[in-house]
Every structure is written in C-alpha cells, then in structure tokens.
Amino acid sequence: MRSSAITFDEHLEEMMKDPQFAAEYEELRPEYEIVKAMIVGRREKGMTQQDLAVATGIPQGHISRIENASYNPSVALLKRIAAGLGKELHISFLRRG
C-alpha cells in the first residue's frame, strides 16, 4: 500500500504549474542540479557529508552549505567534490528551449 506522503518530484511537478514559481525555479536550475548531483553521488557511495569532507579536505560545513544551496561553489571546488565521489566533473552549455 502506498503512503499518503508525496515525493519531492511529485511536489515539484505540482509547484511547476505556478508560472512564477516555474520561472524562478528555472533561473536557479543549475544550482539545484549541482545540489542533486552531490546528494545522489553521496548516497550512491553510502557517504555522509562528513565522509565527503574527509575524502575532499573540504570542511563538512561547506559541504552542507553547498547542499542546501546557500553557497555557490567554484569550479575548482566542484572538481574536488567530484573526485571525492569517484566521479568526473563535466560542464556544458545547452541550447535553451
């Protein structure tokens, strides 16, 4: 039996029906994609924020601020995080629309 709780993706889908919310979300999409990639990457490796901090030499507080989107990391910092997750960082520019 399915729980009455909704997932984040279901909630986001509902919120995206509001044009103002959708416009603001799209403006911040790259930041949200970084956050999601970090959290998914950590969970895939079974790592805590502290584990990632140890693997990268980045203080756990910085990892936390990146994951809650209150800090915008440099490309150099993202490369260290990717390496700590056993991944490579790839950045691309995509055509809009």
N, C-alpha and C. Protein backbone atom coordinates (compact mmCIF):
# COMPACT_ATOMS: atom_id res chain seq x y z
N MET A 1 0.83 -1.18 0.00
CA MET A 1 0.00 0.00 0.00
C MET A 1 0.88 1.24 0.00
N ARG A 2 0.57 2.21 -0.80
CA ARG A 2 1.36 3.42 -0.94
C ARG A 2 1.04 4.40 0.19
N SER A 3 2.11 5.01 0.70
CA SER A 3 1.97 6.02 1.73
C SER A 3 1.29 7.26 1.14
N SER A 4 0.64 8.05 1.99
CA SER A 4 -0.01 9.27 1.51
C SER A 4 1.01 10.39 1.30
N ALA A 5 2.25 10.19 1.75
CA ALA A 5 3.30 11.19 1.56
C ALA A 5 3.66 11.27 0.08
N ILE A 6 3.93 12.48 -0.38
CA ILE A 6 4.32 12.64 -1.78
C ILE A 6 5.84 12.79 -1.85
N THR A 7 6.39 12.45 -2.99
CA THR A 7 7.83 12.58 -3.18
C THR A 7 8.18 14.02 -3.54
N PHE A 8 9.45 14.34 -3.46
CA PHE A 8 9.90 15.67 -3.86
C PHE A 8 9.55 15.93 -5.32
N ASP A 9 9.78 14.95 -6.18
CA ASP A 9 9.50 15.13 -7.60
C ASP A 9 8.02 15.38 -7.85
N GLU A 10 7.15 14.70 -7.12
CA GLU A 10 5.71 14.94 -7.25
C GLU A 10 5.35 16.35 -6.79
N HIS A 11 5.94 16.77 -5.68
CA HIS A 11 5.69 18.11 -5.17
C HIS A 11 6.20 19.15 -6.16
N LEU A 12 7.40 18.94 -6.70
CA LEU A 12 7.96 19.88 -7.67
C LEU A 12 7.07 19.97 -8.91
N GLU A 13 6.60 18.84 -9.39
CA GLU A 13 5.72 18.84 -10.56
C GLU A 13 4.48 19.70 -10.31
N GLU A 14 3.92 19.58 -9.12
CA GLU A 14 2.74 20.38 -8.78
C GLU A 14 3.10 21.86 -8.69
N MET A 15 4.21 22.17 -8.06
CA MET A 15 4.64 23.57 -7.91
C MET A 15 4.96 24.22 -9.26
N MET A 16 5.46 23.43 -10.20
CA MET A 16 5.84 23.96 -11.51
C MET A 16 4.62 24.42 -12.32
N LYS A 17 3.43 24.10 -11.87
CA LYS A 17 2.22 24.58 -12.54
C LYS A 17 2.01 26.07 -12.30
N ASP A 18 2.65 26.61 -11.28
CA ASP A 18 2.59 28.05 -11.00
C ASP A 18 3.65 28.74 -11.85
N PRO A 19 3.25 29.59 -12.81
CA PRO A 19 4.21 30.22 -13.72
C PRO A 19 5.31 31.01 -13.02
N GLN A 20 4.99 31.71 -11.94
CA GLN A 20 6.01 32.49 -11.23
C GLN A 20 7.03 31.55 -10.58
N PHE A 21 6.54 30.50 -9.94
CA PHE A 21 7.45 29.52 -9.33
C PHE A 21 8.32 28.89 -10.40
N ALA A 22 7.71 28.48 -11.51
CA ALA A 22 8.45 27.82 -12.59
C ALA A 22 9.55 28.72 -13.13
N ALA A 23 9.27 30.00 -13.30
CA ALA A 23 10.28 30.93 -13.81
C ALA A 23 11.44 31.07 -12.83
N GLU A 24 11.13 31.18 -11.56
CA GLU A 24 12.20 31.30 -10.55
C GLU A 24 12.99 30.01 -10.43
N TYR A 25 12.31 28.87 -10.50
CA TYR A 25 13.00 27.59 -10.43
C TYR A 25 13.95 27.43 -11.62
N GLU A 26 13.48 27.78 -12.80
CA GLU A 26 14.32 27.66 -14.00
C GLU A 26 15.56 28.53 -13.88
N GLU A 27 15.41 29.70 -13.28
CA GLU A 27 16.55 30.60 -13.09
C GLU A 27 17.62 29.96 -12.20
N LEU A 28 17.19 29.15 -11.25
CA LEU A 28 18.11 28.51 -10.30
C LEU A 28 18.41 27.05 -10.63
N ARG A 29 17.93 26.57 -11.76
CA ARG A 29 18.10 25.15 -12.11
C ARG A 29 19.55 24.67 -12.01
N PRO A 30 20.55 25.40 -12.53
CA PRO A 30 21.93 24.89 -12.43
C PRO A 30 22.36 24.64 -10.99
N GLU A 31 22.02 25.54 -10.09
CA GLU A 31 22.37 25.35 -8.69
C GLU A 31 21.68 24.11 -8.12
N TYR A 32 20.40 23.93 -8.46
CA TYR A 32 19.68 22.75 -7.97
C TYR A 32 20.26 21.46 -8.54
N GLU A 33 20.73 21.50 -9.78
CA GLU A 33 21.33 20.31 -10.38
C GLU A 33 22.63 19.94 -9.68
N ILE A 34 23.41 20.94 -9.26
CA ILE A 34 24.63 20.67 -8.51
C ILE A 34 24.29 20.00 -7.18
N VAL A 35 23.32 20.56 -6.48
CA VAL A 35 22.90 20.01 -5.19
C VAL A 35 22.43 18.56 -5.36
N LYS A 36 21.58 18.34 -6.34
CA LYS A 36 21.05 16.99 -6.55
C LYS A 36 22.17 16.01 -6.90
N ALA A 37 23.10 16.42 -7.77
CA ALA A 37 24.21 15.54 -8.15
C ALA A 37 25.07 15.17 -6.94
N MET A 38 25.31 16.15 -6.08
CA MET A 38 26.11 15.86 -4.88
C MET A 38 25.41 14.88 -3.96
N ILE A 39 24.15 15.13 -3.68
CA ILE A 39 23.41 14.28 -2.75
C ILE A 39 23.26 12.87 -3.32
N VAL A 40 22.90 12.77 -4.59
CA VAL A 40 22.76 11.45 -5.22
C VAL A 40 24.11 10.74 -5.22
N GLY A 41 25.17 11.46 -5.57
CA GLY A 41 26.51 10.86 -5.59
C GLY A 41 26.93 10.34 -4.22
N ARG A 42 26.67 11.12 -3.18
CA ARG A 42 27.00 10.67 -1.82
C ARG A 42 26.21 9.43 -1.45
N ARG A 43 24.92 9.45 -1.75
CA ARG A 43 24.07 8.31 -1.37
C ARG A 43 24.47 7.05 -2.12
N GLU A 44 24.83 7.20 -3.39
CA GLU A 44 25.29 6.04 -4.18
C GLU A 44 26.52 5.41 -3.55
N LYS A 45 27.38 6.23 -2.97
CA LYS A 45 28.61 5.74 -2.34
C LYS A 45 28.42 5.41 -0.87
N GLY A 46 27.21 5.66 -0.34
CA GLY A 46 26.96 5.41 1.08
C GLY A 46 27.74 6.36 1.97
N MET A 47 27.97 7.59 1.48
CA MET A 47 28.77 8.56 2.22
C MET A 47 27.89 9.58 2.94
N THR A 48 28.36 10.00 4.10
CA THR A 48 27.76 11.12 4.79
C THR A 48 28.47 12.39 4.33
N GLN A 49 27.95 13.52 4.73
CA GLN A 49 28.66 14.77 4.43
C GLN A 49 30.05 14.75 5.05
N GLN A 50 30.17 14.20 6.25
CA GLN A 50 31.47 14.13 6.91
C GLN A 50 32.43 13.24 6.13
N ASP A 51 31.92 12.12 5.60
CA ASP A 51 32.77 11.24 4.78
C ASP A 51 33.29 11.99 3.56
N LEU A 52 32.42 12.76 2.92
CA LEU A 52 32.82 13.53 1.75
C LEU A 52 33.82 14.60 2.14
N ALA A 53 33.63 15.21 3.29
CA ALA A 53 34.57 16.21 3.77
C ALA A 53 35.96 15.61 3.95
N VAL A 54 36.03 14.44 4.53
CA VAL A 54 37.32 13.76 4.72
C VAL A 54 37.94 13.40 3.37
N ALA A 55 37.14 12.91 2.45
CA ALA A 55 37.65 12.49 1.14
C ALA A 55 38.16 13.67 0.31
N THR A 56 37.61 14.87 0.55
CA THR A 56 37.96 16.02 -0.28
C THR A 56 38.82 17.06 0.42
N GLY A 57 38.87 17.00 1.75
CA GLY A 57 39.56 18.05 2.50
C GLY A 57 38.75 19.33 2.60
N ILE A 58 37.49 19.26 2.24
CA ILE A 58 36.58 20.42 2.32
C ILE A 58 35.81 20.30 3.64
N PRO A 59 35.78 21.35 4.44
CA PRO A 59 35.06 21.25 5.71
C PRO A 59 33.60 20.82 5.52
N GLN A 60 33.11 20.00 6.44
CA GLN A 60 31.74 19.48 6.36
C GLN A 60 30.74 20.62 6.29
N GLY A 61 30.98 21.72 6.98
CA GLY A 61 30.08 22.85 6.94
C GLY A 61 29.94 23.43 5.53
N HIS A 62 31.04 23.42 4.77
CA HIS A 62 30.97 23.88 3.38
C HIS A 62 30.13 22.92 2.53
N ILE A 63 30.33 21.63 2.76
CA ILE A 63 29.53 20.62 2.03
C ILE A 63 28.05 20.86 2.32
N SER A 64 27.72 21.09 3.58
CA SER A 64 26.33 21.32 3.97
C SER A 64 25.77 22.57 3.29
N ARG A 65 26.54 23.64 3.29
CA ARG A 65 26.05 24.89 2.67
C ARG A 65 25.85 24.73 1.17
N ILE A 66 26.70 23.96 0.52
CA ILE A 66 26.52 23.71 -0.91
C ILE A 66 25.23 22.91 -1.12
N GLU A 67 25.04 21.87 -0.31
CA GLU A 67 23.87 21.00 -0.47
C GLU A 67 22.56 21.70 -0.11
N ASN A 68 22.59 22.73 0.71
CA ASN A 68 21.33 23.42 0.98
C ASN A 68 21.24 24.71 0.16
N ALA A 69 22.09 24.80 -0.86
CA ALA A 69 22.06 25.89 -1.86
C ALA A 69 22.24 27.27 -1.25
N SER A 70 22.99 27.34 -0.15
CA SER A 70 23.28 28.66 0.43
C SER A 70 24.70 29.12 0.12
N TYR A 71 25.44 28.30 -0.65
CA TYR A 71 26.79 28.65 -1.05
C TYR A 71 26.99 28.21 -2.49
N ASN A 72 27.56 29.08 -3.30
CA ASN A 72 27.77 28.80 -4.71
C ASN A 72 29.24 28.42 -4.91
N PRO A 73 29.55 27.15 -5.11
CA PRO A 73 30.94 26.70 -5.17
C PRO A 73 31.64 27.07 -6.48
N SER A 74 32.96 27.18 -6.40
CA SER A 74 33.76 27.43 -7.59
C SER A 74 33.90 26.13 -8.38
N VAL A 75 34.36 26.25 -9.61
CA VAL A 75 34.60 25.06 -10.43
C VAL A 75 35.69 24.19 -9.78
N ALA A 76 36.72 24.83 -9.22
CA ALA A 76 37.78 24.07 -8.56
C ALA A 76 37.22 23.24 -7.40
N LEU A 77 36.32 23.82 -6.64
CA LEU A 77 35.70 23.09 -5.52
C LEU A 77 34.84 21.95 -6.03
N LEU A 78 34.09 22.20 -7.10
CA LEU A 78 33.27 21.13 -7.69
C LEU A 78 34.13 19.98 -8.19
N LYS A 79 35.30 20.28 -8.75
CA LYS A 79 36.21 19.23 -9.20
C LYS A 79 36.68 18.38 -8.03
N ARG A 80 36.97 19.00 -6.90
CA ARG A 80 37.39 18.25 -5.71
C ARG A 80 36.25 17.37 -5.21
N ILE A 81 35.03 17.90 -5.23
CA ILE A 81 33.88 17.11 -4.78
C ILE A 81 33.67 15.93 -5.71
N ALA A 82 33.73 16.17 -7.02
CA ALA A 82 33.56 15.07 -7.98
C ALA A 82 34.61 13.99 -7.73
N ALA A 83 35.86 14.39 -7.55
CA ALA A 83 36.93 13.41 -7.29
C ALA A 83 36.66 12.64 -6.00
N GLY A 84 36.19 13.32 -4.98
CA GLY A 84 35.87 12.67 -3.71
C GLY A 84 34.74 11.66 -3.84
N LEU A 85 33.89 11.86 -4.84
CA LEU A 85 32.79 10.93 -5.11
C LEU A 85 33.17 9.87 -6.13
N GLY A 86 34.44 9.92 -6.59
CA GLY A 86 34.89 8.95 -7.59
C GLY A 86 34.30 9.24 -8.96
N LYS A 87 34.04 10.52 -9.23
CA LYS A 87 33.42 10.92 -10.49
C LYS A 87 34.26 11.99 -11.17
N GLU A 88 33.89 12.32 -12.41
CA GLU A 88 34.49 13.43 -13.14
C GLU A 88 33.46 14.54 -13.25
N LEU A 89 33.95 15.77 -13.23
CA LEU A 89 33.07 16.92 -13.41
C LEU A 89 32.98 17.25 -14.89
N HIS A 90 31.77 17.40 -15.39
CA HIS A 90 31.53 17.82 -16.78
C HIS A 90 30.57 18.99 -16.75
N ILE A 91 30.91 20.03 -17.47
CA ILE A 91 30.06 21.22 -17.55
C ILE A 91 29.76 21.45 -19.02
N SER A 92 28.51 21.76 -19.33
CA SER A 92 28.16 22.01 -20.72
C SER A 92 27.19 23.17 -20.82
N PHE A 93 27.22 23.81 -21.95
CA PHE A 93 26.25 24.85 -22.26
C PHE A 93 25.26 24.24 -23.24
N LEU A 94 23.98 24.32 -22.88
CA LEU A 94 22.94 23.72 -23.71
C LEU A 94 22.07 24.81 -24.30
N ARG A 95 21.59 24.55 -25.48
CA ARG A 95 20.66 25.47 -26.13
C ARG A 95 19.37 25.55 -25.35
N ARG A 96 18.86 26.74 -25.19
CA ARG A 96 17.59 26.92 -24.49
C ARG A 96 16.44 26.46 -25.35
N GLY A 97 15.39 26.02 -24.65
CA GLY A 97 14.15 25.69 -25.34
C GLY A 97 14.21 24.38 -25.96
